[in-house]
Amino acid sequence: MNNTIESILSIDNVRVKANHGWYESERKLGGMYVISVHIYKILEANHDFDHLDQSINYEMVHQVILDTMEEEHMLIESACKAIWDKLKVKYSNEIWEVNIRKEDVPLKFVESTSFKIKG
């Protein structure tokens, strides 16, 4: 009998304006980005979900996203990895999945591009 469960905590669609991009004009004008984070954790089946100190603090994750997106990155891959690195330091035993989507990319007929990292 399996006495564990997998929990997945999601913080979805944090929408921020940031100055990332390969081209100087992208970094100067800025663009809209949508960030989602999923945290995977194996728990005992009888885990009590009533205590914040036994969970991931949403506010901390949100603040890491906002702080990192204020930094200038040349590629969304770099911004994504920076968010992942900061979250992994705070909670190293969890599996973190970070996805960044860049809206209105400078390519004809392309609505957005995205990059995801998980580990």
PDB file of N, CA and C in Angstrom:
ATOM      1  N   MET A   1       0.838  -1.192   0.000  1.00  0.00           N
ATOM      2  CA  MET A   1       0.000   0.000   0.000  1.00  0.00           C
ATOM      3  C   MET A   1       0.879   1.251   0.000  1.00  0.00           C
ATOM      4  N   ASN A   2       0.596   2.176  -0.891  1.00  0.00           N
ATOM      5  CA  ASN A   2       1.370   3.398  -1.013  1.00  0.00           C
ATOM      6  C   ASN A   2       0.854   4.438  -0.015  1.00  0.00           C
ATOM      7  N   ASN A   3       1.745   4.931   0.834  1.00  0.00           N
ATOM      8  CA  ASN A   3       1.366   5.907   1.846  1.00  0.00           C
ATOM      9  C   ASN A   3       1.811   7.316   1.497  1.00  0.00           C
ATOM     10  N   THR A   4       2.004   7.587   0.220  1.00  0.00           N
ATOM     11  CA  THR A   4       2.412   8.926  -0.194  1.00  0.00           C
ATOM     12  C   THR A   4       1.457   9.474  -1.245  1.00  0.00           C
ATOM     13  N   ILE A   5       1.466  10.778  -1.346  1.00  0.00           N
ATOM     14  CA  ILE A   5       0.698  11.480  -2.367  1.00  0.00           C
ATOM     15  C   ILE A   5       1.604  12.529  -3.000  1.00  0.00           C
ATOM     16  N   GLU A   6       1.306  12.873  -4.236  1.00  0.00           N
ATOM     17  CA  GLU A   6       2.036  13.962  -4.886  1.00  0.00           C
ATOM     18  C   GLU A   6       1.156  15.201  -4.841  1.00  0.00           C
ATOM     19  N   SER A   7       1.720  16.285  -4.318  1.00  0.00           N
ATOM     20  CA  SER A   7       0.987  17.548  -4.330  1.00  0.00           C
ATOM     21  C   SER A   7       1.580  18.444  -5.410  1.00  0.00           C
ATOM     22  N   ILE A   8       0.738  19.232  -6.020  1.00  0.00           N
ATOM     23  CA  ILE A   8       1.177  20.194  -7.033  1.00  0.00           C
ATOM     24  C   ILE A   8       0.550  21.531  -6.678  1.00  0.00           C
ATOM     25  N   LEU A   9       1.383  22.475  -6.332  1.00  0.00           N
ATOM     26  CA  LEU A   9       0.940  23.832  -6.036  1.00  0.00           C
ATOM     27  C   LEU A   9       1.245  24.686  -7.259  1.00  0.00           C
ATOM     28  N   SER A  10       0.260  25.435  -7.733  1.00  0.00           N
ATOM     29  CA  SER A  10       0.452  26.252  -8.931  1.00  0.00           C
ATOM     30  C   SER A  10       0.187  27.714  -8.639  1.00  0.00           C
ATOM     31  N   ILE A  11       1.026  28.539  -9.180  1.00  0.00           N
ATOM     32  CA  ILE A  11       0.806  29.990  -9.192  1.00  0.00           C
ATOM     33  C   ILE A  11       0.809  30.341 -10.667  1.00  0.00           C
ATOM     34  N   ASP A  12      -0.355  30.686 -11.175  1.00  0.00           N
ATOM     35  CA  ASP A  12      -0.539  30.793 -12.616  1.00  0.00           C
ATOM     36  C   ASP A  12      -0.719  32.224 -13.104  1.00  0.00           C
ATOM     37  N   ASN A  13      -0.090  32.480 -14.231  1.00  0.00           N
ATOM     38  CA  ASN A  13      -0.338  33.680 -15.027  1.00  0.00           C
ATOM     39  C   ASN A  13      -0.072  34.994 -14.290  1.00  0.00           C
ATOM     40  N   VAL A  14       1.121  35.079 -13.700  1.00  0.00           N
ATOM     41  CA  VAL A  14       1.567  36.350 -13.138  1.00  0.00           C
ATOM     42  C   VAL A  14       1.995  37.191 -14.338  1.00  0.00           C
ATOM     43  N   ARG A  15       1.311  38.269 -14.575  1.00  0.00           N
ATOM     44  CA  ARG A  15       1.533  39.081 -15.784  1.00  0.00           C
ATOM     45  C   ARG A  15       2.291  40.346 -15.411  1.00  0.00           C
ATOM     46  N   VAL A  16       3.487  40.527 -15.967  1.00  0.00           N
ATOM     47  CA  VAL A  16       4.320  41.683 -15.646  1.00  0.00           C
ATOM     48  C   VAL A  16       4.946  42.262 -16.918  1.00  0.00           C
ATOM     49  N   LYS A  17       5.225  43.548 -16.846  1.00  0.00           N
ATOM     50  CA  LYS A  17       5.986  44.191 -17.909  1.00  0.00           C
ATOM     51  C   LYS A  17       7.449  44.160 -17.489  1.00  0.00           C
ATOM     52  N   ALA A  18       8.322  43.791 -18.433  1.00  0.00           N
ATOM     53  CA  ALA A  18       9.745  43.683 -18.121  1.00  0.00           C
ATOM     54  C   ALA A  18      10.576  44.055 -19.339  1.00  0.00           C
ATOM     55  N   ASN A  19      11.838  44.349 -19.100  1.00  0.00           N
ATOM     56  CA  ASN A  19      12.743  44.798 -20.151  1.00  0.00           C
ATOM     57  C   ASN A  19      13.742  43.706 -20.507  1.00  0.00           C
ATOM     58  N   HIS A  20      13.232  42.669 -21.152  1.00  0.00           N
ATOM     59  CA  HIS A  20      14.059  41.560 -21.615  1.00  0.00           C
ATOM     60  C   HIS A  20      14.036  41.546 -23.138  1.00  0.00           C
ATOM     61  N   GLY A  21      15.037  40.929 -23.715  1.00  0.00           N
ATOM     62  CA  GLY A  21      15.039  40.753 -25.164  1.00  0.00           C
ATOM     63  C   GLY A  21      16.438  40.803 -25.734  1.00  0.00           C
ATOM     64  N   TRP A  22      16.596  40.124 -26.834  1.00  0.00           N
ATOM     65  CA  TRP A  22      17.888  40.088 -27.503  1.00  0.00           C
ATOM     66  C   TRP A  22      18.230  41.445 -28.106  1.00  0.00           C
ATOM     67  N   TYR A  23      17.211  42.120 -28.626  1.00  0.00           N
ATOM     68  CA  TYR A  23      17.438  43.396 -29.294  1.00  0.00           C
ATOM     69  C   TYR A  23      17.307  44.545 -28.300  1.00  0.00           C
ATOM     70  N   GLU A  24      18.158  45.543 -28.481  1.00  0.00           N
ATOM     71  CA  GLU A  24      18.152  46.705 -27.592  1.00  0.00           C
ATOM     72  C   GLU A  24      16.774  47.365 -27.545  1.00  0.00           C
ATOM     73  N   SER A  25      16.114  47.415 -28.691  1.00  0.00           N
ATOM     74  CA  SER A  25      14.788  48.034 -28.736  1.00  0.00           C
ATOM     75  C   SER A  25      13.790  47.283 -27.849  1.00  0.00           C
ATOM     76  N   GLU A  26      13.889  45.955 -27.774  1.00  0.00           N
ATOM     77  CA  GLU A  26      13.016  45.162 -26.900  1.00  0.00           C
ATOM     78  C   GLU A  26      13.270  45.507 -25.431  1.00  0.00           C
ATOM     79  N   ARG A  27      14.550  45.626 -25.078  1.00  0.00           N
ATOM     80  CA  ARG A  27      14.899  45.931 -23.697  1.00  0.00           C
ATOM     81  C   ARG A  27      14.511  47.360 -23.340  1.00  0.00           C
ATOM     82  N   LYS A  28      14.597  48.250 -24.305  1.00  0.00           N
ATOM     83  CA  LYS A  28      14.262  49.658 -24.044  1.00  0.00           C
ATOM     84  C   LYS A  28      12.750  49.840 -23.894  1.00  0.00           C
ATOM     85  N   LEU A  29      11.968  49.261 -24.809  1.00  0.00           N
ATOM     86  CA  LEU A  29      10.510  49.399 -24.776  1.00  0.00           C
ATOM     87  C   LEU A  29       9.859  48.511 -23.720  1.00  0.00           C
ATOM     88  N   GLY A  30      10.445  47.365 -23.497  1.00  0.00           N
ATOM     89  CA  GLY A  30       9.844  46.398 -22.580  1.00  0.00           C
ATOM     90  C   GLY A  30       8.733  45.633 -23.266  1.00  0.00           C
ATOM     91  N   GLY A  31       8.279  44.616 -22.607  1.00  0.00           N
ATOM     92  CA  GLY A  31       7.207  43.792 -23.146  1.00  0.00           C
ATOM     93  C   GLY A  31       6.457  43.113 -22.026  1.00  0.00           C
ATOM     94  N   MET A  32       5.361  42.473 -22.390  1.00  0.00           N
ATOM     95  CA  MET A  32       4.541  41.771 -21.403  1.00  0.00           C
ATOM     96  C   MET A  32       4.942  40.301 -21.349  1.00  0.00           C
ATOM     97  N   TYR A  33       5.042  39.812 -20.131  1.00  0.00           N
ATOM     98  CA  TYR A  33       5.432  38.438 -19.867  1.00  0.00           C
ATOM     99  C   TYR A  33       4.420  37.810 -18.921  1.00  0.00           C
ATOM    100  N   VAL A  34       4.190  36.526 -19.102  1.00  0.00           N
ATOM    101  CA  VAL A  34       3.284  35.778 -18.235  1.00  0.00           C
ATOM    102  C   VAL A  34       4.089  34.623 -17.648  1.00  0.00           C
ATOM    103  N   ILE A  35       4.127  34.557 -16.318  1.00  0.00           N
ATOM    104  CA  ILE A  35       4.930  33.560 -15.630  1.00  0.00           C
ATOM    105  C   ILE A  35       4.018  32.649 -14.815  1.00  0.00           C
ATOM    106  N   SER A  36       4.241  31.345 -14.923  1.00  0.00           N
ATOM    107  CA  SER A  36       3.536  30.359 -14.104  1.00  0.00           C
ATOM    108  C   SER A  36       4.567  29.465 -13.443  1.00  0.00           C
ATOM    109  N   VAL A  37       4.274  29.090 -12.201  1.00  0.00           N
ATOM    110  CA  VAL A  37       5.167  28.238 -11.424  1.00  0.00           C
ATOM    111  C   VAL A  37       4.353  27.082 -10.860  1.00  0.00           C
ATOM    112  N   HIS A  38       4.898  25.870 -10.969  1.00  0.00           N
ATOM    113  CA  HIS A  38       4.287  24.681 -10.382  1.00  0.00           C
ATOM    114  C   HIS A  38       5.324  24.035  -9.477  1.00  0.00           C
ATOM    115  N   ILE A  39       4.897  23.670  -8.272  1.00  0.00           N
ATOM    116  CA  ILE A  39       5.785  23.052  -7.303  1.00  0.00           C
ATOM    117  C   ILE A  39       5.266  21.648  -7.017  1.00  0.00           C
ATOM    118  N   TYR A  40       6.105  20.645  -7.261  1.00  0.00           N
ATOM    119  CA  TYR A  40       5.739  19.247  -7.063  1.00  0.00           C
ATOM    120  C   TYR A  40       6.426  18.733  -5.802  1.00  0.00           C
ATOM    121  N   LYS A  41       5.662  18.048  -4.966  1.00  0.00           N
ATOM    122  CA  LYS A  41       6.222  17.550  -3.711  1.00  0.00           C
ATOM    123  C   LYS A  41       5.542  16.236  -3.343  1.00  0.00           C
ATOM    124  N   ILE A  42       6.330  15.273  -2.893  1.00  0.00           N
ATOM    125  CA  ILE A  42       5.804  14.000  -2.403  1.00  0.00           C
ATOM    126  C   ILE A  42       5.601  14.134  -0.895  1.00  0.00           C
ATOM    127  N   LEU A  43       4.399  13.795  -0.445  1.00  0.00           N
ATOM    128  CA  LEU A  43       4.039  13.922   0.966  1.00  0.00           C
ATOM    129  C   LEU A  43       3.500  12.608   1.498  1.00  0.00           C
ATOM    130  N   GLU A  44       3.504  12.477   2.798  1.00  0.00           N
ATOM    131  CA  GLU A  44       2.834  11.345   3.432  1.00  0.00           C
ATOM    132  C   GLU A  44       1.337  11.489   3.183  1.00  0.00           C
ATOM    133  N   ALA A  45       0.660  10.386   2.981  1.00  0.00           N
ATOM    134  CA  ALA A  45      -0.774  10.430   2.676  1.00  0.00           C
ATOM    135  C   ALA A  45      -1.588  11.086   3.785  1.00  0.00           C
ATOM    136  N   ASN A  46      -1.099  11.026   5.000  1.00  0.00           N
ATOM    137  CA  ASN A  46      -1.829  11.642   6.115  1.00  0.00           C
ATOM    138  C   ASN A  46      -1.360  13.072   6.404  1.00  0.00           C
ATOM    139  N   HIS A  47      -0.696  13.694   5.452  1.00  0.00           N
ATOM    140  CA  HIS A  47      -0.187  15.059   5.632  1.00  0.00           C
ATOM    141  C   HIS A  47      -1.319  16.022   5.994  1.00  0.00           C
ATOM    142  N   ASP A  48      -1.043  16.899   6.943  1.00  0.00           N
ATOM    143  CA  ASP A  48      -1.993  17.915   7.389  1.00  0.00           C
ATOM    144  C   ASP A  48      -1.724  19.204   6.607  1.00  0.00           C
ATOM    145  N   PHE A  49      -2.696  19.690   5.874  1.00  0.00           N
ATOM    146  CA  PHE A  49      -2.530  20.878   5.036  1.00  0.00           C
ATOM    147  C   PHE A  49      -2.965  22.165   5.726  1.00  0.00           C
ATOM    148  N   ASP A  50      -2.988  22.179   7.047  1.00  0.00           N
ATOM    149  CA  ASP A  50      -3.495  23.338   7.786  1.00  0.00           C
ATOM    150  C   ASP A  50      -2.422  24.284   8.307  1.00  0.00           C
ATOM    151  N   HIS A  51      -1.168  24.122   7.917  1.00  0.00           N
ATOM    152  CA  HIS A  51      -0.099  24.941   8.477  1.00  0.00           C
ATOM    153  C   HIS A  51       0.768  25.528   7.366  1.00  0.00           C
ATOM    154  N   LEU A  52       0.902  26.837   7.336  1.00  0.00           N
ATOM    155  CA  LEU A  52       1.706  27.507   6.307  1.00  0.00           C
ATOM    156  C   LEU A  52       3.169  27.089   6.377  1.00  0.00           C
ATOM    157  N   ASP A  53       3.692  26.855   7.579  1.00  0.00           N
ATOM    158  CA  ASP A  53       5.098  26.478   7.687  1.00  0.00           C
ATOM    159  C   ASP A  53       5.392  25.089   7.124  1.00  0.00           C
ATOM    160  N   GLN A  54       4.364  24.339   6.757  1.00  0.00           N
ATOM    161  CA  GLN A  54       4.541  23.028   6.133  1.00  0.00           C
ATOM    162  C   GLN A  54       4.148  23.070   4.650  1.00  0.00           C
ATOM    163  N   SER A  55       4.059  24.268   4.121  1.00  0.00           N
ATOM    164  CA  SER A  55       3.674  24.444   2.728  1.00  0.00           C
ATOM    165  C   SER A  55       4.605  25.464   2.085  1.00  0.00           C
ATOM    166  N   ILE A  56       4.345  25.781   0.841  1.00  0.00           N
ATOM    167  CA  ILE A  56       5.087  26.803   0.112  1.00  0.00           C
ATOM    168  C   ILE A  56       4.318  28.115   0.251  1.00  0.00           C
ATOM    169  N   ASN A  57       5.007  29.177   0.592  1.00  0.00           N
ATOM    170  CA  ASN A  57       4.387  30.475   0.772  1.00  0.00           C
ATOM    171  C   ASN A  57       4.186  31.143  -0.600  1.00  0.00           C
ATOM    172  N   TYR A  58       2.951  31.313  -1.004  1.00  0.00           N
ATOM    173  CA  TYR A  58       2.621  31.924  -2.306  1.00  0.00           C
ATOM    174  C   TYR A  58       3.231  33.312  -2.438  1.00  0.00           C
ATOM    175  N   GLU A  59       3.173  34.091  -1.350  1.00  0.00           N
ATOM    176  CA  GLU A  59       3.689  35.466  -1.393  1.00  0.00           C
ATOM    177  C   GLU A  59       5.177  35.483  -1.696  1.00  0.00           C
ATOM    178  N   MET A  60       5.934  34.545  -1.122  1.00  0.00           N
ATOM    179  CA  MET A  60       7.368  34.479  -1.379  1.00  0.00           C
ATOM    180  C   MET A  60       7.628  34.160  -2.845  1.00  0.00           C
ATOM    181  N   VAL A  61       6.902  33.191  -3.389  1.00  0.00           N
ATOM    182  CA  VAL A  61       7.071  32.824  -4.797  1.00  0.00           C
ATOM    183  C   VAL A  61       6.735  34.020  -5.692  1.00  0.00           C
ATOM    184  N   HIS A  62       5.643  34.677  -5.406  1.00  0.00           N
ATOM    185  CA  HIS A  62       5.219  35.851  -6.163  1.00  0.00           C
ATOM    186  C   HIS A  62       6.297  36.932  -6.134  1.00  0.00           C
ATOM    187  N   GLN A  63       6.866  37.178  -4.961  1.00  0.00           N
ATOM    188  CA  GLN A  63       7.894  38.214  -4.829  1.00  0.00           C
ATOM    189  C   GLN A  63       9.156  37.847  -5.592  1.00  0.00           C
ATOM    190  N   VAL A  64       9.548  36.580  -5.569  1.00  0.00           N
ATOM    191  CA  VAL A  64      10.714  36.132  -6.341  1.00  0.00           C
ATOM    192  C   VAL A  64      10.479  36.393  -7.826  1.00  0.00           C
ATOM    193  N   ILE A  65       9.286  36.094  -8.303  1.00  0.00           N
ATOM    194  CA  ILE A  65       8.951  36.345  -9.717  1.00  0.00           C
ATOM    195  C   ILE A  65       9.080  37.827 -10.032  1.00  0.00           C
ATOM    196  N   LEU A  66       8.447  38.677  -9.224  1.00  0.00           N
ATOM    197  CA  LEU A  66       8.484  40.126  -9.479  1.00  0.00           C
ATOM    198  C   LEU A  66       9.900  40.677  -9.422  1.00  0.00           C
ATOM    199  N   ASP A  67      10.662  40.288  -8.399  1.00  0.00           N
ATOM    200  CA  ASP A  67      12.034  40.784  -8.259  1.00  0.00           C
ATOM    201  C   ASP A  67      12.906  40.362  -9.439  1.00  0.00           C
ATOM    202  N   THR A  68      12.779  39.129  -9.865  1.00  0.00           N
ATOM    203  CA  THR A  68      13.603  38.624 -10.963  1.00  0.00           C
ATOM    204  C   THR A  68      13.224  39.282 -12.282  1.00  0.00           C
ATOM    205  N   MET A  69      11.948  39.513 -12.485  1.00  0.00           N
ATOM    206  CA  MET A  69      11.514  40.135 -13.737  1.00  0.00           C
ATOM    207  C   MET A  69      11.918  41.604 -13.813  1.00  0.00           C
ATOM    208  N   GLU A  70      12.270  42.220 -12.696  1.00  0.00           N
ATOM    209  CA  GLU A  70      12.793  43.594 -12.720  1.00  0.00           C
ATOM    210  C   GLU A  70      14.223  43.641 -13.242  1.00  0.00           C
ATOM    211  N   GLU A  71      14.925  42.520 -13.156  1.00  0.00           N
ATOM    212  CA  GLU A  71      16.287  42.438 -13.695  1.00  0.00           C
ATOM    213  C   GLU A  71      16.210  42.400 -15.225  1.00  0.00           C
ATOM    214  N   GLU A  72      17.269  42.852 -15.885  1.00  0.00           N
ATOM    215  CA  GLU A  72      17.285  42.805 -17.347  1.00  0.00           C
ATOM    216  C   GLU A  72      17.946  41.514 -17.814  1.00  0.00           C
ATOM    217  N   HIS A  73      17.258  40.788 -18.677  1.00  0.00           N
ATOM    218  CA  HIS A  73      17.783  39.543 -19.243  1.00  0.00           C
ATOM    219  C   HIS A  73      17.720  39.630 -20.762  1.00  0.00           C
ATOM    220  N   MET A  74      18.719  39.053 -21.408  1.00  0.00           N
ATOM    221  CA  MET A  74      18.763  39.069 -22.871  1.00  0.00           C
ATOM    222  C   MET A  74      17.777  38.072 -23.478  1.00  0.00           C
ATOM    223  N   LEU A  75      17.511  36.976 -22.756  1.00  0.00           N
ATOM    224  CA  LEU A  75      16.628  35.927 -23.266  1.00  0.00           C
ATOM    225  C   LEU A  75      15.646  35.507 -22.178  1.00  0.00           C
ATOM    226  N   ILE A  76      14.466  35.039 -22.597  1.00  0.00           N
ATOM    227  CA  ILE A  76      13.515  34.556 -21.597  1.00  0.00           C
ATOM    228  C   ILE A  76      14.059  33.304 -20.911  1.00  0.00           C
ATOM    229  N   GLU A  77      14.922  32.569 -21.580  1.00  0.00           N
ATOM    230  CA  GLU A  77      15.540  31.399 -20.973  1.00  0.00           C
ATOM    231  C   GLU A  77      16.334  31.792 -19.727  1.00  0.00           C
ATOM    232  N   SER A  78      17.048  32.896 -19.815  1.00  0.00           N
ATOM    233  CA  SER A  78      17.848  33.386 -18.696  1.00  0.00           C
ATOM    234  C   SER A  78      16.962  33.848 -17.541  1.00  0.00           C
ATOM    235  N   ALA A  79      15.896  34.556 -17.848  1.00  0.00           N
ATOM    236  CA  ALA A  79      14.968  35.008 -16.802  1.00  0.00           C
ATOM    237  C   ALA A  79      14.306  33.814 -16.133  1.00  0.00           C
ATOM    238  N   CYS A  80      13.914  32.831 -16.920  1.00  0.00           N
ATOM    239  CA  CYS A  80      13.284  31.625 -16.401  1.00  0.00           C
ATOM    240  C   CYS A  80      14.223  30.884 -15.460  1.00  0.00           C
ATOM    241  N   LYS A  81      15.461  30.703 -15.882  1.00  0.00           N
ATOM    242  CA  LYS A  81      16.452  30.000 -15.057  1.00  0.00           C
ATOM    243  C   LYS A  81      16.750  30.779 -13.782  1.00  0.00           C
ATOM    244  N   ALA A  82      16.788  32.095 -13.852  1.00  0.00           N
ATOM    245  CA  ALA A  82      17.044  32.914 -12.658  1.00  0.00           C
ATOM    246  C   ALA A  82      15.932  32.733 -11.624  1.00  0.00           C
ATOM    247  N   ILE A  83      14.683  32.703 -12.083  1.00  0.00           N
ATOM    248  CA  ILE A  83      13.561  32.451 -11.164  1.00  0.00           C
ATOM    249  C   ILE A  83      13.699  31.062 -10.559  1.00  0.00           C
ATOM    250  N   TRP A  84      13.959  30.065 -11.396  1.00  0.00           N
ATOM    251  CA  TRP A  84      14.103  28.686 -10.935  1.00  0.00           C
ATOM    252  C   TRP A  84      15.222  28.576  -9.897  1.00  0.00           C
ATOM    253  N   ASP A  85      16.375  29.192 -10.174  1.00  0.00           N
ATOM    254  CA  ASP A  85      17.513  29.140  -9.244  1.00  0.00           C
ATOM    255  C   ASP A  85      17.135  29.699  -7.878  1.00  0.00           C
ATOM    256  N   LYS A  86      16.466  30.837  -7.863  1.00  0.00           N
ATOM    257  CA  LYS A  86      16.109  31.486  -6.588  1.00  0.00           C
ATOM    258  C   LYS A  86      15.097  30.656  -5.801  1.00  0.00           C
ATOM    259  N   LEU A  87      14.145  30.060  -6.489  1.00  0.00           N
ATOM    260  CA  LEU A  87      13.151  29.239  -5.804  1.00  0.00           C
ATOM    261  C   LEU A  87      13.768  27.939  -5.299  1.00  0.00           C
ATOM    262  N   LYS A  88      14.649  27.351  -6.084  1.00  0.00           N
ATOM    263  CA  LYS A  88      15.285  26.082  -5.708  1.00  0.00           C
ATOM    264  C   LYS A  88      16.151  26.262  -4.457  1.00  0.00           C
ATOM    265  N   VAL A  89      16.770  27.426  -4.293  1.00  0.00           N
ATOM    266  CA  VAL A  89      17.569  27.704  -3.101  1.00  0.00           C
ATOM    267  C   VAL A  89      16.684  27.718  -1.856  1.00  0.00           C
ATOM    268  N   LYS A  90      15.497  28.286  -1.977  1.00  0.00           N
ATOM    269  CA  LYS A  90      14.598  28.407  -0.826  1.00  0.00           C
ATOM    270  C   LYS A  90      13.981  27.067  -0.428  1.00  0.00           C
ATOM    271  N   TYR A  91      13.638  26.253  -1.408  1.00  0.00           N
ATOM    272  CA  TYR A  91      13.029  24.941  -1.164  1.00  0.00           C
ATOM    273  C   TYR A  91      13.706  23.938  -2.091  1.00  0.00           C
ATOM    274  N   SER A  92      14.812  23.370  -1.623  1.00  0.00           N
ATOM    275  CA  SER A  92      15.635  22.539  -2.504  1.00  0.00           C
ATOM    276  C   SER A  92      15.082  21.132  -2.721  1.00  0.00           C
ATOM    277  N   ASN A  93      14.198  20.656  -1.862  1.00  0.00           N
ATOM    278  CA  ASN A  93      13.699  19.285  -2.001  1.00  0.00           C
ATOM    279  C   ASN A  93      12.520  19.165  -2.958  1.00  0.00           C
ATOM    280  N   GLU A  94      11.945  20.266  -3.340  1.00  0.00           N
ATOM    281  CA  GLU A  94      10.795  20.243  -4.233  1.00  0.00           C
ATOM    282  C   GLU A  94      11.247  20.266  -5.691  1.00  0.00           C
ATOM    283  N   ILE A  95      10.377  19.799  -6.553  1.00  0.00           N
ATOM    284  CA  ILE A  95      10.600  19.931  -7.990  1.00  0.00           C
ATOM    285  C   ILE A  95       9.860  21.179  -8.432  1.00  0.00           C
ATOM    286  N   TRP A  96      10.593  22.098  -9.036  1.00  0.00           N
ATOM    287  CA  TRP A  96      10.031  23.374  -9.482  1.00  0.00           C
ATOM    288  C   TRP A  96       9.905  23.375 -10.993  1.00  0.00           C
ATOM    289  N   GLU A  97       8.782  23.856 -11.475  1.00  0.00           N
ATOM    290  CA  GLU A  97       8.572  24.057 -12.904  1.00  0.00           C
ATOM    291  C   GLU A  97       8.233  25.533 -13.101  1.00  0.00           C
ATOM    292  N   VAL A  98       9.018  26.201 -13.918  1.00  0.00           N
ATOM    293  CA  VAL A  98       8.813  27.628 -14.189  1.00  0.00           C
ATOM    294  C   VAL A  98       8.610  27.793 -15.688  1.00  0.00           C
ATOM    295  N   ASN A  99       7.562  28.517 -16.059  1.00  0.00           N
ATOM    296  CA  ASN A  99       7.262  28.773 -17.459  1.00  0.00           C
ATOM    297  C   ASN A  99       7.123  30.284 -17.667  1.00  0.00           C
ATOM    298  N   ILE A 100       7.827  30.799 -18.655  1.00  0.00           N
ATOM    299  CA  ILE A 100       7.692  32.219 -19.027  1.00  0.00           C
ATOM    300  C   ILE A 100       7.204  32.285 -20.460  1.00  0.00           C
ATOM    301  N   ARG A 101       6.177  33.093 -20.659  1.00  0.00           N
ATOM    302  CA  ARG A 101       5.647  33.332 -21.999  1.00  0.00           C
ATOM    303  C   ARG A 101       5.802  34.819 -22.308  1.00  0.00           C
ATOM    304  N   LYS A 102       6.396  35.116 -23.446  1.00  0.00           N
ATOM    305  CA  LYS A 102       6.561  36.497 -23.893  1.00  0.00           C
ATOM    306  C   LYS A 102       5.488  36.795 -24.927  1.00  0.00           C
ATOM    307  N   GLU A 103       4.687  37.812 -24.650  1.00  0.00           N
ATOM    308  CA  GLU A 103       3.609  38.202 -25.562  1.00  0.00           C
ATOM    309  C   GLU A 103       4.125  39.162 -26.632  1.00  0.00           C
ATOM    310  N   ASP A 104       3.429  39.209 -27.733  1.00  0.00           N
ATOM    311  CA  ASP A 104       3.716  40.179 -28.806  1.00  0.00           C
ATOM    312  C   ASP A 104       5.185  40.183 -29.224  1.00  0.00           C
ATOM    313  N   VAL A 105       5.674  39.019 -29.594  1.00  0.00           N
ATOM    314  CA  VAL A 105       7.068  38.923 -30.034  1.00  0.00           C
ATOM    315  C   VAL A 105       7.218  39.554 -31.417  1.00  0.00           C
ATOM    316  N   PRO A 106       8.444  39.996 -31.741  1.00  0.00           N
ATOM    317  CA  PRO A 106       8.646  40.679 -33.024  1.00  0.00           C
ATOM    318  C   PRO A 106       8.788  39.709 -34.204  1.00  0.00           C
ATOM    319  N   LEU A 107       7.836  38.794 -34.328  1.00  0.00           N
ATOM    320  CA  LEU A 107       7.804  37.871 -35.452  1.00  0.00           C
ATOM    321  C   LEU A 107       6.408  37.899 -36.071  1.00  0.00           C
ATOM    322  N   LYS A 108       6.366  37.997 -37.368  1.00  0.00           N
ATOM    323  CA  LYS A 108       5.093  38.041 -38.068  1.00  0.00           C
ATOM    324  C   LYS A 108       4.301  36.760 -37.821  1.00  0.00           C
ATOM    325  N   PHE A 109       3.030  36.908 -37.466  1.00  0.00           N
ATOM    326  CA  PHE A 109       2.082  35.814 -37.248  1.00  0.00           C
ATOM    327  C   PHE A 109       2.350  34.996 -35.976  1.00  0.00           C
ATOM    328  N   VAL A 110       3.214  35.490 -35.081  1.00  0.00           N
ATOM    329  CA  VAL A 110       3.506  34.782 -33.828  1.00  0.00           C
ATOM    330  C   VAL A 110       2.961  35.609 -32.672  1.00  0.00           C
ATOM    331  N   GLU A 111       2.045  35.023 -31.929  1.00  0.00           N
ATOM    332  CA  GLU A 111       1.439  35.708 -30.783  1.00  0.00           C
ATOM    333  C   GLU A 111       2.369  35.756 -29.579  1.00  0.00           C
ATOM    334  N   SER A 112       3.053  34.636 -29.318  1.00  0.00           N
ATOM    335  CA  SER A 112       3.921  34.585 -28.148  1.00  0.00           C
ATOM    336  C   SER A 112       4.952  33.472 -28.305  1.00  0.00           C
ATOM    337  N   THR A 113       5.984  33.549 -27.464  1.00  0.00           N
ATOM    338  CA  THR A 113       6.940  32.469 -27.343  1.00  0.00           C
ATOM    339  C   THR A 113       7.039  32.116 -25.867  1.00  0.00           C
ATOM    340  N   SER A 114       7.501  30.912 -25.561  1.00  0.00           N
ATOM    341  CA  SER A 114       7.612  30.533 -24.160  1.00  0.00           C
ATOM    342  C   SER A 114       8.793  29.607 -23.942  1.00  0.00           C
ATOM    343  N   PHE A 115       9.199  29.524 -22.679  1.00  0.00           N
ATOM    344  CA  PHE A 115      10.279  28.635 -22.274  1.00  0.00           C
ATOM    345  C   PHE A 115       9.913  28.080 -20.912  1.00  0.00           C
ATOM    346  N   LYS A 116      10.197  26.784 -20.718  1.00  0.00           N
ATOM    347  CA  LYS A 116       9.861  26.116 -19.457  1.00  0.00           C
ATOM    348  C   LYS A 116      11.065  25.331 -18.971  1.00  0.00           C
ATOM    349  N   ILE A 117      11.251  25.355 -17.652  1.00  0.00           N
ATOM    350  CA  ILE A 117      12.322  24.576 -17.041  1.00  0.00           C
ATOM    351  C   ILE A 117      11.721  23.846 -15.837  1.00  0.00           C
ATOM    352  N   LYS A 118      12.152  22.599 -15.632  1.00  0.00           N
ATOM    353  CA  LYS A 118      11.611  21.798 -14.539  1.00  0.00           C
ATOM    354  C   LYS A 118      12.715  20.942 -13.930  1.00  0.00           C
ATOM    355  N   GLY A 119      12.755  20.934 -12.623  1.00  0.00           N
ATOM    356  CA  GLY A 119      13.743  20.090 -11.955  1.00  0.00           C
ATOM    357  C   GLY A 119      13.837  20.385 -10.489  1.00  0.00           C
TER     358      GLY A 119
END
